[in-house]
Amino acid sequence: AQQEIAVLGGHVVAIMPERRRYAKAMKAAVGA
């Protein structure tokens, strides 16, 4: 829904209790 969210002017942030390498891996895995 990224495109629809952007059209509405919204901005997403995901917050996780993990070190940066794992946050980076999650972002890449889901294509965010």
All heavy atoms as atom14 arrays in JSON, in Angstrom:
{
  "sequence": "AQQEIAVLGGHVVAIMPERRRYAKAMKAAVGA",
  "atom14_mask": [
    [1, 1, 1, 1, 1, 0, 0, 0, 0, 0, 0, 0, 0, 0],
    [1, 1, 1, 1, 1, 1, 1, 1, 1, 0, 0, 0, 0, 0],
    [1, 1, 1, 1, 1, 1, 1, 1, 1, 0, 0, 0, 0, 0],
    [1, 1, 1, 1, 1, 1, 1, 1, 1, 0, 0, 0, 0, 0],
    [1, 1, 1, 1, 1, 1, 1, 1, 0, 0, 0, 0, 0, 0],
    [1, 1, 1, 1, 1, 0, 0, 0, 0, 0, 0, 0, 0, 0],
    [1, 1, 1, 1, 1, 1, 1, 0, 0, 0, 0, 0, 0, 0],
    [1, 1, 1, 1, 1, 1, 1, 1, 0, 0, 0, 0, 0, 0],
    [1, 1, 1, 1, 0, 0, 0, 0, 0, 0, 0, 0, 0, 0],
    [1, 1, 1, 1, 0, 0, 0, 0, 0, 0, 0, 0, 0, 0],
    [1, 1, 1, 1, 1, 1, 1, 1, 1, 1, 0, 0, 0, 0],
    [1, 1, 1, 1, 1, 1, 1, 0, 0, 0, 0, 0, 0, 0],
    [1, 1, 1, 1, 1, 1, 1, 0, 0, 0, 0, 0, 0, 0],
    [1, 1, 1, 1, 1, 0, 0, 0, 0, 0, 0, 0, 0, 0],
    [1, 1, 1, 1, 1, 1, 1, 1, 0, 0, 0, 0, 0, 0],
    [1, 1, 1, 1, 1, 1, 1, 1, 0, 0, 0, 0, 0, 0],
    [1, 1, 1, 1, 1, 1, 1, 0, 0, 0, 0, 0, 0, 0],
    [1, 1, 1, 1, 1, 1, 1, 1, 1, 0, 0, 0, 0, 0],
    [1, 1, 1, 1, 1, 1, 1, 1, 1, 1, 1, 0, 0, 0],
    [1, 1, 1, 1, 1, 1, 1, 1, 1, 1, 1, 0, 0, 0],
    [1, 1, 1, 1, 1, 1, 1, 1, 1, 1, 1, 0, 0, 0],
    [1, 1, 1, 1, 1, 1, 1, 1, 1, 1, 1, 1, 0, 0],
    [1, 1, 1, 1, 1, 0, 0, 0, 0, 0, 0, 0, 0, 0],
    [1, 1, 1, 1, 1, 1, 1, 1, 1, 0, 0, 0, 0, 0],
    [1, 1, 1, 1, 1, 0, 0, 0, 0, 0, 0, 0, 0, 0],
    [1, 1, 1, 1, 1, 1, 1, 1, 0, 0, 0, 0, 0, 0],
    [1, 1, 1, 1, 1, 1, 1, 1, 1, 0, 0, 0, 0, 0],
    [1, 1, 1, 1, 1, 0, 0, 0, 0, 0, 0, 0, 0, 0],
    [1, 1, 1, 1, 1, 0, 0, 0, 0, 0, 0, 0, 0, 0],
    [1, 1, 1, 1, 1, 1, 1, 0, 0, 0, 0, 0, 0, 0],
    [1, 1, 1, 1, 0, 0, 0, 0, 0, 0, 0, 0, 0, 0],
    [1, 1, 1, 1, 1, 0, 0, 0, 0, 0, 0, 0, 0, 0]
  ],
  "atom14_positions": [
    [[0.81, -1.21, 0.0], [0.0, 0.0, 0.0], [0.85, 1.27, 0.0], [0.32, 2.37, 0.2], [-0.91, 0.01, 1.22], [0.0, 0.0, 0.0], [0.0, 0.0, 0.0], [0.0, 0.0, 0.0], [0.0, 0.0, 0.0], [0.0, 0.0, 0.0], [0.0, 0.0, 0.0], [0.0, 0.0, 0.0], [0.0, 0.0, 0.0], [0.0, 0.0, 0.0]],
    [[2.17, 1.13, -0.23], [3.06, 2.29, -0.16], [2.61, 3.43, -1.06], [2.62, 4.59, -0.65], [4.49, 1.87, -0.56], [5.3, 1.25, 0.55], [6.72, 0.91, 0.11], [7.65, 1.14, 0.84], [6.88, 0.32, -1.05], [0.0, 0.0, 0.0], [0.0, 0.0, 0.0], [0.0, 0.0, 0.0], [0.0, 0.0, 0.0], [0.0, 0.0, 0.0]],
    [[2.21, 3.11, -2.29], [1.83, 4.16, -3.23], [0.57, 4.88, -2.76], [0.5, 6.12, -2.8], [1.61, 3.57, -4.62], [1.33, 4.62, -5.69], [1.3, 4.04, -7.09], [1.6, 2.88, -7.3], [0.92, 4.86, -8.07], [0.0, 0.0, 0.0], [0.0, 0.0, 0.0], [0.0, 0.0, 0.0], [0.0, 0.0, 0.0], [0.0, 0.0, 0.0]],
    [[-0.41, 4.12, -2.3], [-1.65, 4.74, -1.8], [-1.38, 5.6, -0.58], [-1.95, 6.7, -0.44], [-2.67, 3.65, -1.49], [-4.06, 4.18, -1.2], [-5.11, 3.09, -1.06], [-4.74, 1.89, -1.17], [-6.28, 3.43, -0.85], [0.0, 0.0, 0.0], [0.0, 0.0, 0.0], [0.0, 0.0, 0.0], [0.0, 0.0, 0.0], [0.0, 0.0, 0.0]],
    [[-0.5, 5.13, 0.3], [-0.12, 5.9, 1.48], [0.55, 7.2, 1.07], [0.26, 8.27, 1.61], [0.79, 5.06, 2.4], [0.0, 3.92, 3.04], [1.43, 5.94, 3.48], [0.87, 2.9, 3.75], [0.0, 0.0, 0.0], [0.0, 0.0, 0.0], [0.0, 0.0, 0.0], [0.0, 0.0, 0.0], [0.0, 0.0, 0.0], [0.0, 0.0, 0.0]],
    [[1.43, 7.13, 0.06], [2.13, 8.32, -0.41], [1.17, 9.34, -1.02], [1.32, 10.55, -0.81], [3.2, 7.92, -1.43], [0.0, 0.0, 0.0], [0.0, 0.0, 0.0], [0.0, 0.0, 0.0], [0.0, 0.0, 0.0], [0.0, 0.0, 0.0], [0.0, 0.0, 0.0], [0.0, 0.0, 0.0], [0.0, 0.0, 0.0], [0.0, 0.0, 0.0]],
    [[0.18, 8.86, -1.76], [-0.82, 9.75, -2.37], [-1.57, 10.53, -1.28], [-1.93, 11.69, -1.47], [-1.8, 8.94, -3.25], [-3.01, 9.78, -3.64], [-1.09, 8.43, -4.49], [0.0, 0.0, 0.0], [0.0, 0.0, 0.0], [0.0, 0.0, 0.0], [0.0, 0.0, 0.0], [0.0, 0.0, 0.0], [0.0, 0.0, 0.0], [0.0, 0.0, 0.0]],
    [[-1.77, 9.88, -0.15], [-2.46, 10.52, 0.97], [-1.54, 11.42, 1.79], [-1.96, 12.03, 2.76], [-3.07, 9.46, 1.88], [-4.22, 8.64, 1.27], [-4.59, 7.47, 2.19], [-5.43, 9.52, 1.02], [0.0, 0.0, 0.0], [0.0, 0.0, 0.0], [0.0, 0.0, 0.0], [0.0, 0.0, 0.0], [0.0, 0.0, 0.0], [0.0, 0.0, 0.0]],
    [[-0.27, 11.48, 1.39], [0.69, 12.31, 2.09], [1.27, 11.67, 3.33], [1.96, 12.33, 4.11], [0.0, 0.0, 0.0], [0.0, 0.0, 0.0], [0.0, 0.0, 0.0], [0.0, 0.0, 0.0], [0.0, 0.0, 0.0], [0.0, 0.0, 0.0], [0.0, 0.0, 0.0], [0.0, 0.0, 0.0], [0.0, 0.0, 0.0], [0.0, 0.0, 0.0]],
    [[1.0, 10.38, 3.51], [1.46, 9.7, 4.7], [2.9, 9.23, 4.61], [3.44, 9.03, 3.52], [0.0, 0.0, 0.0], [0.0, 0.0, 0.0], [0.0, 0.0, 0.0], [0.0, 0.0, 0.0], [0.0, 0.0, 0.0], [0.0, 0.0, 0.0], [0.0, 0.0, 0.0], [0.0, 0.0, 0.0], [0.0, 0.0, 0.0], [0.0, 0.0, 0.0]],
    [[3.5, 9.05, 5.77], [4.88, 8.56, 5.86], [4.94, 7.46, 6.92], [4.45, 7.64, 8.03], [5.83, 9.69, 6.21], [5.89, 10.75, 5.15], [6.81, 10.73, 4.13], [5.12, 11.84, 4.94], [6.61, 11.76, 3.33], [5.59, 12.45, 3.8], [0.0, 0.0, 0.0], [0.0, 0.0, 0.0], [0.0, 0.0, 0.0], [0.0, 0.0, 0.0]],
    [[5.53, 6.33, 6.54], [5.58, 5.16, 7.41], [6.96, 5.04, 8.04], [7.98, 5.28, 7.39], [5.29, 3.87, 6.6], [5.35, 2.64, 7.5], [3.93, 3.97, 5.91], [0.0, 0.0, 0.0], [0.0, 0.0, 0.0], [0.0, 0.0, 0.0], [0.0, 0.0, 0.0], [0.0, 0.0, 0.0], [0.0, 0.0, 0.0], [0.0, 0.0, 0.0]],
    [[6.98, 4.66, 9.31], [8.22, 4.2, 9.94], [7.9, 2.92, 10.7], [6.86, 2.82, 11.36], [8.84, 5.23, 10.9], [9.37, 6.43, 10.15], [7.87, 5.67, 11.97], [0.0, 0.0, 0.0], [0.0, 0.0, 0.0], [0.0, 0.0, 0.0], [0.0, 0.0, 0.0], [0.0, 0.0, 0.0], [0.0, 0.0, 0.0], [0.0, 0.0, 0.0]],
    [[8.77, 1.94, 10.56], [8.67, 0.7, 11.33], [9.71, 0.74, 12.43], [10.86, 1.14, 12.19], [8.88, -0.51, 10.43], [0.0, 0.0, 0.0], [0.0, 0.0, 0.0], [0.0, 0.0, 0.0], [0.0, 0.0, 0.0], [0.0, 0.0, 0.0], [0.0, 0.0, 0.0], [0.0, 0.0, 0.0], [0.0, 0.0, 0.0], [0.0, 0.0, 0.0]],
    [[9.33, 0.33, 13.63], [10.23, 0.36, 14.78], [10.41, -1.06, 15.3], [9.43, -1.77, 15.55], [9.66, 1.27, 15.89], [9.55, 2.72, 15.37], [10.55, 1.23, 17.13], [8.94, 3.69, 16.37], [0.0, 0.0, 0.0], [0.0, 0.0, 0.0], [0.0, 0.0, 0.0], [0.0, 0.0, 0.0], [0.0, 0.0, 0.0], [0.0, 0.0, 0.0]],
    [[11.67, -1.48, 15.44], [12.01, -2.84, 15.87], [13.1, -2.79, 16.92], [13.95, -1.9, 16.89], [12.53, -3.66, 14.67], [11.54, -3.85, 13.54], [12.38, -4.41, 12.01], [13.32, -5.81, 12.62], [0.0, 0.0, 0.0], [0.0, 0.0, 0.0], [0.0, 0.0, 0.0], [0.0, 0.0, 0.0], [0.0, 0.0, 0.0], [0.0, 0.0, 0.0]],
    [[13.14, -3.75, 17.84], [14.16, -3.74, 18.89], [15.43, -4.48, 18.47], [16.06, -5.16, 19.29], [13.46, -4.47, 20.04], [12.62, -5.5, 19.36], [12.15, -4.84, 18.08], [0.0, 0.0, 0.0], [0.0, 0.0, 0.0], [0.0, 0.0, 0.0], [0.0, 0.0, 0.0], [0.0, 0.0, 0.0], [0.0, 0.0, 0.0], [0.0, 0.0, 0.0]],
    [[15.81, -4.37, 17.21], [16.93, -5.15, 16.69], [18.07, -4.25, 16.22], [17.85, -3.09, 15.84], [16.47, -6.04, 15.53], [15.49, -7.09, 15.96], [15.31, -8.17, 14.9], [15.25, -7.83, 13.7], [15.24, -9.35, 15.27], [0.0, 0.0, 0.0], [0.0, 0.0, 0.0], [0.0, 0.0, 0.0], [0.0, 0.0, 0.0], [0.0, 0.0, 0.0]],
    [[19.26, -4.82, 16.22], [20.42, -4.09, 15.74], [20.26, -3.76, 14.26], [19.49, -4.38, 13.54], [21.68, -4.91, 15.98], [21.97, -5.11, 17.46], [23.32, -5.75, 17.69], [23.36, -7.12, 17.22], [24.48, -7.75, 16.85], [25.64, -7.11, 16.86], [24.44, -9.0, 16.47], [0.0, 0.0, 0.0], [0.0, 0.0, 0.0], [0.0, 0.0, 0.0]],
    [[21.02, -2.75, 13.83], [20.8, -2.17, 12.5], [20.91, -3.19, 11.38], [20.15, -3.14, 10.41], [21.81, -1.03, 12.27], [21.65, -0.35, 10.91], [22.21, 1.05, 10.93], [23.62, 1.1, 11.22], [24.58, 1.26, 10.31], [24.26, 1.34, 9.03], [25.83, 1.32, 10.66], [0.0, 0.0, 0.0], [0.0, 0.0, 0.0], [0.0, 0.0, 0.0]],
    [[21.83, -4.14, 11.47], [22.0, -5.1, 10.38], [20.74, -5.91, 10.14], [20.41, -6.26, 9.01], [23.19, -6.03, 10.65], [23.06, -6.88, 11.89], [24.25, -7.81, 12.08], [24.3, -8.85, 11.07], [25.09, -9.91, 11.14], [25.89, -10.05, 12.18], [25.08, -10.8, 10.2], [0.0, 0.0, 0.0], [0.0, 0.0, 0.0], [0.0, 0.0, 0.0]],
    [[20.0, -6.2, 11.22], [18.77, -6.98, 11.09], [17.61, -6.11, 10.62], [16.76, -6.57, 9.84], [18.45, -7.67, 12.41], [19.53, -8.63, 12.82], [20.39, -8.34, 13.88], [19.75, -9.81, 12.12], [21.41, -9.21, 14.24], [20.77, -10.68, 12.47], [21.6, -10.38, 13.54], [22.62, -11.24, 13.87], [0.0, 0.0, 0.0], [0.0, 0.0, 0.0]],
    [[17.58, -4.85, 11.06], [16.57, -3.92, 10.55], [16.76, -3.71, 9.05], [15.8, -3.68, 8.27], [16.66, -2.6, 11.29], [0.0, 0.0, 0.0], [0.0, 0.0, 0.0], [0.0, 0.0, 0.0], [0.0, 0.0, 0.0], [0.0, 0.0, 0.0], [0.0, 0.0, 0.0], [0.0, 0.0, 0.0], [0.0, 0.0, 0.0], [0.0, 0.0, 0.0]],
    [[18.0, -3.59, 8.65], [18.33, -3.4, 7.23], [17.92, -4.63, 6.42], [17.37, -4.52, 5.32], [19.83, -3.15, 7.08], [20.27, -2.61, 5.73], [21.77, -2.4, 5.73], [22.24, -1.82, 4.42], [22.25, -0.37, 4.41], [0.0, 0.0, 0.0], [0.0, 0.0, 0.0], [0.0, 0.0, 0.0], [0.0, 0.0, 0.0], [0.0, 0.0, 0.0]],
    [[18.16, -5.82, 6.99], [17.79, -7.06, 6.3], [16.28, -7.17, 6.16], [15.77, -7.6, 5.11], [18.33, -8.27, 7.07], [0.0, 0.0, 0.0], [0.0, 0.0, 0.0], [0.0, 0.0, 0.0], [0.0, 0.0, 0.0], [0.0, 0.0, 0.0], [0.0, 0.0, 0.0], [0.0, 0.0, 0.0], [0.0, 0.0, 0.0], [0.0, 0.0, 0.0]],
    [[15.54, -6.77, 7.19], [14.08, -6.8, 7.13], [13.57, -5.86, 6.06], [12.69, -6.21, 5.26], [13.51, -6.42, 8.5], [12.0, -6.32, 8.55], [11.18, -7.91, 8.56], [9.66, -7.46, 9.44], [0.0, 0.0, 0.0], [0.0, 0.0, 0.0], [0.0, 0.0, 0.0], [0.0, 0.0, 0.0], [0.0, 0.0, 0.0], [0.0, 0.0, 0.0]],
    [[14.1, -4.67, 6.01], [13.67, -3.69, 5.01], [13.9, -4.22, 3.6], [13.01, -4.12, 2.73], [14.43, -2.37, 5.2], [14.07, -1.3, 4.19], [14.84, -0.03, 4.44], [14.51, 1.03, 3.39], [15.25, 2.3, 3.67], [0.0, 0.0, 0.0], [0.0, 0.0, 0.0], [0.0, 0.0, 0.0], [0.0, 0.0, 0.0], [0.0, 0.0, 0.0]],
    [[15.05, -4.82, 3.38], [15.36, -5.36, 2.05], [14.47, -6.55, 1.72], [14.0, -6.69, 0.58], [16.84, -5.77, 2.0], [0.0, 0.0, 0.0], [0.0, 0.0, 0.0], [0.0, 0.0, 0.0], [0.0, 0.0, 0.0], [0.0, 0.0, 0.0], [0.0, 0.0, 0.0], [0.0, 0.0, 0.0], [0.0, 0.0, 0.0], [0.0, 0.0, 0.0]],
    [[14.21, -7.39, 2.71], [13.42, -8.61, 2.46], [12.0, -8.3, 2.03], [11.42, -9.03, 1.22], [13.41, -9.49, 3.71], [0.0, 0.0, 0.0], [0.0, 0.0, 0.0], [0.0, 0.0, 0.0], [0.0, 0.0, 0.0], [0.0, 0.0, 0.0], [0.0, 0.0, 0.0], [0.0, 0.0, 0.0], [0.0, 0.0, 0.0], [0.0, 0.0, 0.0]],
    [[11.42, -7.22, 2.55], [10.04, -6.89, 2.22], [9.93, -5.85, 1.12], [8.82, -5.54, 0.66], [9.27, -6.42, 3.47], [9.32, -7.49, 4.56], [9.79, -5.09, 4.01], [0.0, 0.0, 0.0], [0.0, 0.0, 0.0], [0.0, 0.0, 0.0], [0.0, 0.0, 0.0], [0.0, 0.0, 0.0], [0.0, 0.0, 0.0], [0.0, 0.0, 0.0]],
    [[11.06, -5.3, 0.69], [11.03, -4.31, -0.39], [10.48, -2.97, 0.02], [9.83, -2.28, -0.78], [0.0, 0.0, 0.0], [0.0, 0.0, 0.0], [0.0, 0.0, 0.0], [0.0, 0.0, 0.0], [0.0, 0.0, 0.0], [0.0, 0.0, 0.0], [0.0, 0.0, 0.0], [0.0, 0.0, 0.0], [0.0, 0.0, 0.0], [0.0, 0.0, 0.0]],
    [[10.74, -2.57, 1.26], [10.18, -1.31, 1.77], [11.01, -0.11, 1.34], [12.23, -0.19, 1.22], [10.11, -1.36, 3.3], [0.0, 0.0, 0.0], [0.0, 0.0, 0.0], [0.0, 0.0, 0.0], [0.0, 0.0, 0.0], [0.0, 0.0, 0.0], [0.0, 0.0, 0.0], [0.0, 0.0, 0.0], [0.0, 0.0, 0.0], [0.0, 0.0, 0.0]]
  ]
}
